[in-house]
Amino acid sequence: MSYRGRRLAAIGIVAAQLLLIVRAYSAPIDTFGFQMFPESSQWRADIFRVLPDGNRVDVREPWPGGYRWEQLVDARGLGSPSTLHHADAGLDATVHLLDAALDWVAANTPEDAVTIALIAEVTVIHNGRPPTTLVLTSAPRP
């Protein structure tokens, strides 16, 4: 490769890396964004199936169709949400992933004809501050 070709390749690589870094700060999951001092945040969640009568059933209980939350959702601690986890990708990313997981499970459990939605009560501890609670709800089941 000529000098000019190597130079253009190097400029292209650096530009691509800079683009990924800049994009990371506006993306819900900032995988390519470097942070000198990452968050020391933690989270845990209680996840429930909502029944037509309004009752809630913990996803750790038996589920119509034999589904198990920990088998359906396995990434970044989402499979065991009731234990306290470090938000290794940051709280925003973790909440985004959990919200997407609720929607995915709601849409991909066809043998469960009883559940109308999923709800997660998420306790977040942002960098050692007092805990706060968020409530996430899946899209309604088809």
N, C-alpha and C. Protein backbone atom coordinates (compact mmCIF):
# COMPACT_ATOMS: atom_id res chain seq x y z
N MET A 1 0.85 -1.17 0.00
CA MET A 1 0.00 0.00 0.00
C MET A 1 0.90 1.23 0.00
N SER A 2 0.52 2.19 -0.78
CA SER A 2 1.31 3.42 -0.89
C SER A 2 1.20 4.25 0.38
N TYR A 3 2.07 5.23 0.47
CA TYR A 3 2.06 6.15 1.62
C TYR A 3 0.71 6.84 1.72
N ARG A 4 0.20 7.30 0.60
CA ARG A 4 -1.09 8.00 0.60
C ARG A 4 -2.22 7.05 1.04
N GLY A 5 -2.18 5.81 0.60
CA GLY A 5 -3.19 4.83 0.98
C GLY A 5 -3.15 4.53 2.48
N ARG A 6 -1.93 4.38 3.02
CA ARG A 6 -1.80 4.14 4.47
C ARG A 6 -2.30 5.34 5.26
N ARG A 7 -2.00 6.51 4.76
CA ARG A 7 -2.44 7.74 5.45
C ARG A 7 -3.97 7.84 5.44
N LEU A 8 -4.60 7.57 4.30
CA LEU A 8 -6.06 7.60 4.23
C LEU A 8 -6.69 6.53 5.12
N ALA A 9 -6.08 5.35 5.17
CA ALA A 9 -6.59 4.29 6.04
C ALA A 9 -6.51 4.70 7.50
N ALA A 10 -5.40 5.29 7.91
CA ALA A 10 -5.23 5.73 9.30
C ALA A 10 -6.25 6.82 9.64
N ILE A 11 -6.44 7.76 8.74
CA ILE A 11 -7.42 8.83 8.97
C ILE A 11 -8.83 8.24 9.07
N GLY A 12 -9.14 7.28 8.22
CA GLY A 12 -10.45 6.63 8.26
C GLY A 12 -10.69 5.89 9.57
N ILE A 13 -9.67 5.19 10.06
CA ILE A 13 -9.81 4.45 11.32
C ILE A 13 -10.02 5.41 12.49
N VAL A 14 -9.22 6.47 12.54
CA VAL A 14 -9.36 7.46 13.62
C VAL A 14 -10.72 8.13 13.55
N ALA A 15 -11.19 8.47 12.36
CA ALA A 15 -12.50 9.11 12.20
C ALA A 15 -13.61 8.16 12.67
N ALA A 16 -13.51 6.89 12.33
CA ALA A 16 -14.52 5.92 12.76
C ALA A 16 -14.54 5.79 14.28
N GLN A 17 -13.37 5.75 14.90
CA GLN A 17 -13.31 5.66 16.36
C GLN A 17 -13.91 6.90 17.01
N LEU A 18 -13.60 8.07 16.48
CA LEU A 18 -14.17 9.30 17.03
C LEU A 18 -15.69 9.33 16.86
N LEU A 19 -16.17 8.86 15.73
CA LEU A 19 -17.62 8.80 15.50
C LEU A 19 -18.30 7.89 16.52
N LEU A 20 -17.71 6.72 16.80
CA LEU A 20 -18.27 5.81 17.78
C LEU A 20 -18.28 6.42 19.18
N ILE A 21 -17.23 7.13 19.53
CA ILE A 21 -17.16 7.78 20.85
C ILE A 21 -18.21 8.86 20.97
N VAL A 22 -18.34 9.72 19.97
CA VAL A 22 -19.33 10.80 20.01
C VAL A 22 -20.74 10.22 20.03
N ARG A 23 -20.99 9.20 19.23
CA ARG A 23 -22.31 8.57 19.19
C ARG A 23 -22.66 7.94 20.53
N ALA A 24 -21.69 7.44 21.25
CA ALA A 24 -21.95 6.76 22.52
C ALA A 24 -22.63 7.66 23.54
N TYR A 25 -22.35 8.95 23.48
CA TYR A 25 -22.92 9.85 24.48
C TYR A 25 -24.38 10.18 24.20
N SER A 26 -24.88 9.85 23.02
CA SER A 26 -26.30 10.07 22.74
C SER A 26 -27.06 8.75 22.63
N ALA A 27 -26.37 7.63 22.70
CA ALA A 27 -27.00 6.31 22.59
C ALA A 27 -27.41 5.82 23.98
N PRO A 28 -28.45 5.00 24.06
CA PRO A 28 -28.87 4.48 25.36
C PRO A 28 -27.83 3.55 25.99
N ILE A 29 -27.04 2.89 25.16
CA ILE A 29 -25.99 2.01 25.66
C ILE A 29 -24.67 2.54 25.12
N ASP A 30 -23.85 3.08 26.01
CA ASP A 30 -22.63 3.76 25.58
C ASP A 30 -21.41 2.84 25.57
N THR A 31 -21.52 1.74 24.83
CA THR A 31 -20.46 0.74 24.80
C THR A 31 -19.12 1.31 24.35
N PHE A 32 -19.12 2.18 23.37
CA PHE A 32 -17.86 2.70 22.84
C PHE A 32 -17.45 4.02 23.47
N GLY A 33 -18.20 4.52 24.43
CA GLY A 33 -17.88 5.80 25.05
C GLY A 33 -17.01 5.58 26.28
N PHE A 34 -15.84 6.13 26.28
CA PHE A 34 -14.93 6.00 27.42
C PHE A 34 -15.34 6.96 28.52
N GLN A 35 -15.37 6.47 29.75
CA GLN A 35 -15.62 7.32 30.90
C GLN A 35 -14.49 7.11 31.88
N MET A 36 -13.81 8.19 32.22
CA MET A 36 -12.68 8.10 33.13
C MET A 36 -13.11 7.51 34.47
N PHE A 37 -14.24 7.96 34.99
CA PHE A 37 -14.75 7.47 36.26
C PHE A 37 -16.15 6.92 36.04
N PRO A 38 -16.28 5.62 35.77
CA PRO A 38 -17.59 5.05 35.49
C PRO A 38 -18.49 5.08 36.72
N GLU A 39 -19.76 4.89 36.49
CA GLU A 39 -20.73 4.88 37.57
C GLU A 39 -20.46 3.75 38.55
N SER A 40 -20.80 3.99 39.81
CA SER A 40 -20.77 2.92 40.80
C SER A 40 -22.19 2.65 41.25
N SER A 41 -23.10 2.67 40.29
CA SER A 41 -24.52 2.52 40.57
C SER A 41 -24.92 1.05 40.67
N GLN A 42 -26.05 0.83 41.36
CA GLN A 42 -26.57 -0.52 41.54
C GLN A 42 -28.06 -0.53 41.24
N TRP A 43 -28.58 -1.72 40.99
CA TRP A 43 -30.01 -1.86 40.69
C TRP A 43 -30.49 -3.25 41.09
N ARG A 44 -31.79 -3.34 41.31
CA ARG A 44 -32.48 -4.62 41.49
C ARG A 44 -33.92 -4.39 41.05
N ALA A 45 -34.61 -5.46 40.70
CA ALA A 45 -35.98 -5.30 40.21
C ALA A 45 -36.86 -6.46 40.66
N ASP A 46 -38.10 -6.13 40.93
CA ASP A 46 -39.14 -7.13 41.14
C ASP A 46 -40.00 -7.10 39.88
N ILE A 47 -40.10 -8.24 39.22
CA ILE A 47 -40.82 -8.30 37.95
C ILE A 47 -42.05 -9.18 38.12
N PHE A 48 -43.16 -8.68 37.60
CA PHE A 48 -44.44 -9.35 37.77
C PHE A 48 -45.15 -9.53 36.43
N ARG A 49 -45.92 -10.62 36.33
CA ARG A 49 -46.87 -10.80 35.24
C ARG A 49 -48.19 -10.21 35.72
N VAL A 50 -48.84 -9.43 34.89
CA VAL A 50 -50.13 -8.84 35.25
C VAL A 50 -51.23 -9.70 34.62
N LEU A 51 -52.18 -10.12 35.45
CA LEU A 51 -53.28 -10.96 35.00
C LEU A 51 -54.49 -10.10 34.66
N PRO A 52 -55.46 -10.64 33.93
CA PRO A 52 -56.63 -9.84 33.53
C PRO A 52 -57.40 -9.22 34.69
N ASP A 53 -57.39 -9.88 35.87
CA ASP A 53 -58.10 -9.33 37.03
C ASP A 53 -57.28 -8.27 37.77
N GLY A 54 -56.09 -7.96 37.27
CA GLY A 54 -55.24 -6.95 37.89
C GLY A 54 -54.23 -7.50 38.88
N ASN A 55 -54.36 -8.78 39.25
CA ASN A 55 -53.40 -9.38 40.16
C ASN A 55 -52.03 -9.46 39.50
N ARG A 56 -51.01 -9.42 40.35
CA ARG A 56 -49.63 -9.55 39.88
C ARG A 56 -49.05 -10.86 40.40
N VAL A 57 -48.31 -11.53 39.53
CA VAL A 57 -47.65 -12.77 39.90
C VAL A 57 -46.16 -12.60 39.62
N ASP A 58 -45.34 -12.85 40.64
CA ASP A 58 -43.89 -12.74 40.49
C ASP A 58 -43.42 -13.69 39.39
N VAL A 59 -42.49 -13.26 38.56
CA VAL A 59 -42.02 -14.11 37.46
C VAL A 59 -41.23 -15.31 37.95
N ARG A 60 -40.88 -15.35 39.23
CA ARG A 60 -40.21 -16.53 39.78
C ARG A 60 -41.19 -17.67 40.06
N GLU A 61 -42.48 -17.36 40.05
CA GLU A 61 -43.53 -18.37 40.27
C GLU A 61 -43.76 -19.14 38.96
N PRO A 62 -44.42 -20.32 39.05
CA PRO A 62 -44.73 -21.08 37.82
C PRO A 62 -45.51 -20.23 36.82
N TRP A 63 -45.17 -20.44 35.56
CA TRP A 63 -45.66 -19.59 34.48
C TRP A 63 -46.37 -20.45 33.45
N PRO A 64 -47.56 -20.05 32.96
CA PRO A 64 -48.23 -20.84 31.92
C PRO A 64 -47.31 -21.03 30.70
N GLY A 65 -47.29 -22.23 30.19
CA GLY A 65 -46.42 -22.52 29.06
C GLY A 65 -45.05 -22.99 29.49
N GLY A 66 -44.80 -23.04 30.80
CA GLY A 66 -43.51 -23.51 31.31
C GLY A 66 -42.37 -22.52 31.16
N TYR A 67 -42.68 -21.28 30.89
CA TYR A 67 -41.63 -20.27 30.72
C TYR A 67 -40.96 -19.96 32.04
N ARG A 68 -39.71 -19.57 31.95
CA ARG A 68 -38.95 -19.12 33.12
C ARG A 68 -38.21 -17.86 32.73
N TRP A 69 -38.36 -16.81 33.53
CA TRP A 69 -37.74 -15.52 33.23
C TRP A 69 -36.24 -15.68 32.99
N GLU A 70 -35.56 -16.41 33.86
CA GLU A 70 -34.10 -16.52 33.75
C GLU A 70 -33.65 -17.24 32.49
N GLN A 71 -34.53 -18.04 31.87
CA GLN A 71 -34.19 -18.67 30.60
C GLN A 71 -34.50 -17.76 29.42
N LEU A 72 -35.50 -16.92 29.57
CA LEU A 72 -35.86 -16.00 28.48
C LEU A 72 -34.92 -14.82 28.39
N VAL A 73 -34.47 -14.33 29.53
CA VAL A 73 -33.64 -13.12 29.59
C VAL A 73 -32.39 -13.46 30.39
N ASP A 74 -31.24 -13.37 29.75
CA ASP A 74 -30.03 -13.86 30.40
C ASP A 74 -28.88 -12.85 30.42
N ALA A 75 -29.04 -11.68 29.83
CA ALA A 75 -27.91 -10.77 29.66
C ALA A 75 -27.78 -9.77 30.81
N ARG A 76 -26.55 -9.43 31.16
CA ARG A 76 -26.21 -8.35 32.10
C ARG A 76 -26.97 -8.40 33.42
N GLY A 77 -27.14 -9.59 33.97
CA GLY A 77 -27.81 -9.72 35.25
C GLY A 77 -29.32 -9.68 35.18
N LEU A 78 -29.87 -9.52 33.98
CA LEU A 78 -31.32 -9.41 33.86
C LEU A 78 -32.03 -10.72 34.18
N GLY A 79 -31.32 -11.84 34.11
CA GLY A 79 -31.92 -13.13 34.41
C GLY A 79 -32.20 -13.33 35.89
N SER A 80 -31.50 -12.61 36.74
CA SER A 80 -31.74 -12.70 38.19
C SER A 80 -31.95 -11.29 38.74
N PRO A 81 -33.05 -10.66 38.37
CA PRO A 81 -33.25 -9.25 38.70
C PRO A 81 -33.49 -8.96 40.18
N SER A 82 -33.89 -9.97 40.95
CA SER A 82 -34.24 -9.71 42.35
C SER A 82 -33.02 -9.55 43.25
N THR A 83 -31.83 -9.84 42.73
CA THR A 83 -30.61 -9.61 43.52
C THR A 83 -30.00 -8.27 43.12
N LEU A 84 -29.29 -7.66 44.03
CA LEU A 84 -28.66 -6.37 43.78
C LEU A 84 -27.48 -6.55 42.83
N HIS A 85 -27.46 -5.77 41.75
CA HIS A 85 -26.41 -5.86 40.73
C HIS A 85 -25.71 -4.52 40.57
N HIS A 86 -24.45 -4.57 40.19
CA HIS A 86 -23.74 -3.37 39.76
C HIS A 86 -24.20 -3.05 38.34
N ALA A 87 -24.51 -1.80 38.09
CA ALA A 87 -24.93 -1.38 36.74
C ALA A 87 -23.68 -1.17 35.91
N ASP A 88 -23.12 -2.26 35.41
CA ASP A 88 -21.82 -2.21 34.75
C ASP A 88 -21.79 -1.37 33.48
N ALA A 89 -22.92 -1.18 32.85
CA ALA A 89 -22.97 -0.31 31.66
C ALA A 89 -23.64 1.02 31.98
N GLY A 90 -23.86 1.29 33.27
CA GLY A 90 -24.54 2.51 33.69
C GLY A 90 -26.03 2.25 33.88
N LEU A 91 -26.66 3.06 34.72
CA LEU A 91 -28.08 2.85 35.01
C LEU A 91 -28.96 3.08 33.80
N ASP A 92 -28.67 4.11 33.02
CA ASP A 92 -29.50 4.38 31.84
C ASP A 92 -29.53 3.18 30.90
N ALA A 93 -28.37 2.60 30.66
CA ALA A 93 -28.29 1.44 29.76
C ALA A 93 -29.00 0.24 30.36
N THR A 94 -28.83 0.02 31.66
CA THR A 94 -29.47 -1.12 32.31
C THR A 94 -30.99 -0.99 32.28
N VAL A 95 -31.50 0.19 32.58
CA VAL A 95 -32.95 0.41 32.53
C VAL A 95 -33.46 0.24 31.10
N HIS A 96 -32.70 0.74 30.14
CA HIS A 96 -33.08 0.58 28.73
C HIS A 96 -33.15 -0.91 28.36
N LEU A 97 -32.15 -1.68 28.76
CA LEU A 97 -32.13 -3.12 28.45
C LEU A 97 -33.27 -3.85 29.15
N LEU A 98 -33.55 -3.50 30.41
CA LEU A 98 -34.64 -4.15 31.13
C LEU A 98 -35.99 -3.83 30.49
N ASP A 99 -36.17 -2.59 30.09
CA ASP A 99 -37.42 -2.19 29.43
C ASP A 99 -37.59 -2.96 28.12
N ALA A 100 -36.51 -3.09 27.35
CA ALA A 100 -36.56 -3.86 26.10
C ALA A 100 -36.82 -5.34 26.38
N ALA A 101 -36.26 -5.86 27.48
CA ALA A 101 -36.48 -7.27 27.83
C ALA A 101 -37.94 -7.52 28.18
N LEU A 102 -38.56 -6.59 28.90
CA LEU A 102 -39.99 -6.73 29.22
C LEU A 102 -40.81 -6.82 27.93
N ASP A 103 -40.53 -5.93 26.99
CA ASP A 103 -41.27 -5.94 25.72
C ASP A 103 -41.02 -7.23 24.95
N TRP A 104 -39.77 -7.69 24.94
CA TRP A 104 -39.43 -8.90 24.19
C TRP A 104 -40.14 -10.11 24.78
N VAL A 105 -40.10 -10.24 26.10
CA VAL A 105 -40.75 -11.39 26.75
C VAL A 105 -42.26 -11.34 26.51
N ALA A 106 -42.85 -10.16 26.62
CA ALA A 106 -44.29 -10.03 26.38
C ALA A 106 -44.67 -10.46 24.97
N ALA A 107 -43.81 -10.19 24.01
CA ALA A 107 -44.10 -10.51 22.61
C ALA A 107 -43.71 -11.93 22.21
N ASN A 108 -42.91 -12.61 23.04
CA ASN A 108 -42.37 -13.91 22.64
C ASN A 108 -42.70 -15.05 23.60
N THR A 109 -43.86 -14.99 24.22
CA THR A 109 -44.32 -16.07 25.09
C THR A 109 -45.74 -16.48 24.66
N PRO A 110 -45.86 -17.10 23.48
CA PRO A 110 -47.18 -17.40 22.92
C PRO A 110 -47.98 -18.43 23.71
N GLU A 111 -47.32 -19.29 24.47
CA GLU A 111 -48.04 -20.33 25.22
C GLU A 111 -48.70 -19.76 26.48
N ASP A 112 -48.40 -18.54 26.84
CA ASP A 112 -48.99 -17.89 28.01
C ASP A 112 -50.18 -17.05 27.54
N ALA A 113 -51.38 -17.60 27.71
CA ALA A 113 -52.58 -16.89 27.27
C ALA A 113 -53.21 -16.09 28.40
N VAL A 114 -52.58 -16.07 29.57
CA VAL A 114 -53.15 -15.43 30.75
C VAL A 114 -52.58 -14.04 30.99
N THR A 115 -51.29 -13.87 30.83
CA THR A 115 -50.63 -12.61 31.15
C THR A 115 -51.01 -11.53 30.14
N ILE A 116 -51.36 -10.34 30.66
CA ILE A 116 -51.70 -9.23 29.75
C ILE A 116 -50.55 -8.23 29.62
N ALA A 117 -49.62 -8.22 30.58
CA ALA A 117 -48.47 -7.31 30.52
C ALA A 117 -47.46 -7.75 31.57
N LEU A 118 -46.28 -7.18 31.49
CA LEU A 118 -45.24 -7.39 32.50
C LEU A 118 -44.91 -6.04 33.12
N ILE A 119 -44.64 -6.06 34.42
CA ILE A 119 -44.28 -4.83 35.13
C ILE A 119 -43.01 -5.10 35.92
N ALA A 120 -42.09 -4.14 35.91
CA ALA A 120 -40.88 -4.22 36.72
C ALA A 120 -40.84 -3.02 37.65
N GLU A 121 -40.69 -3.29 38.93
CA GLU A 121 -40.45 -2.24 39.91
C GLU A 121 -38.96 -2.25 40.18
N VAL A 122 -38.27 -1.26 39.65
CA VAL A 122 -36.81 -1.24 39.66
C VAL A 122 -36.32 -0.27 40.73
N THR A 123 -35.49 -0.77 41.63
CA THR A 123 -34.85 0.07 42.63
C THR A 123 -33.46 0.40 42.13
N VAL A 124 -33.17 1.68 41.99
CA VAL A 124 -31.86 2.11 41.50
C VAL A 124 -31.15 2.92 42.58
N ILE A 125 -29.86 2.70 42.70
CA ILE A 125 -29.01 3.45 43.62
C ILE A 125 -27.93 4.09 42.76
N HIS A 126 -28.09 5.35 42.46
CA HIS A 126 -27.20 6.05 41.54
C HIS A 126 -26.00 6.62 42.30
N ASN A 127 -24.84 6.01 42.11
CA ASN A 127 -23.58 6.47 42.69
C ASN A 127 -23.67 6.70 44.20
N GLY A 128 -24.30 5.78 44.92
CA GLY A 128 -24.36 5.86 46.37
C GLY A 128 -25.43 6.77 46.94
N ARG A 129 -26.22 7.37 46.09
CA ARG A 129 -27.31 8.23 46.57
C ARG A 129 -28.43 7.35 47.14
N PRO A 130 -29.43 7.96 47.79
CA PRO A 130 -30.54 7.16 48.30
C PRO A 130 -31.28 6.43 47.17
N PRO A 131 -31.81 5.25 47.46
CA PRO A 131 -32.51 4.48 46.43
C PRO A 131 -33.77 5.20 45.94
N THR A 132 -34.04 5.03 44.66
CA THR A 132 -35.29 5.50 44.06
C THR A 132 -35.90 4.33 43.30
N THR A 133 -37.20 4.41 43.08
CA THR A 133 -37.90 3.32 42.41
C THR A 133 -38.50 3.80 41.10
N LEU A 134 -38.28 3.01 40.06
CA LEU A 134 -38.87 3.25 38.75
C LEU A 134 -39.84 2.11 38.46
N VAL A 135 -40.89 2.40 37.74
CA VAL A 135 -41.82 1.35 37.32
C VAL A 135 -41.82 1.29 35.80
N LEU A 136 -41.47 0.13 35.28
CA LEU A 136 -41.45 -0.10 33.83
C LEU A 136 -42.58 -1.06 33.48
N THR A 137 -43.24 -0.81 32.39
CA THR A 137 -44.34 -1.67 31.94
C THR A 137 -44.10 -2.08 30.50
N SER A 138 -44.31 -3.36 30.22
CA SER A 138 -44.14 -3.84 28.85
C SER A 138 -45.26 -3.31 27.97
N ALA A 139 -45.05 -3.43 26.69
CA ALA A 139 -46.13 -3.17 25.75
C ALA A 139 -47.22 -4.21 26.01
N PRO A 140 -48.48 -3.86 25.79
CA PRO A 140 -49.55 -4.85 26.00
C PRO A 140 -49.33 -6.08 25.13
N ARG A 141 -49.66 -7.23 25.69
CA ARG A 141 -49.49 -8.47 24.93
C ARG A 141 -50.53 -8.57 23.84
N PRO A 142 -50.15 -9.17 22.72
CA PRO A 142 -51.10 -9.32 21.60
C PRO A 142 -52.25 -10.25 21.94
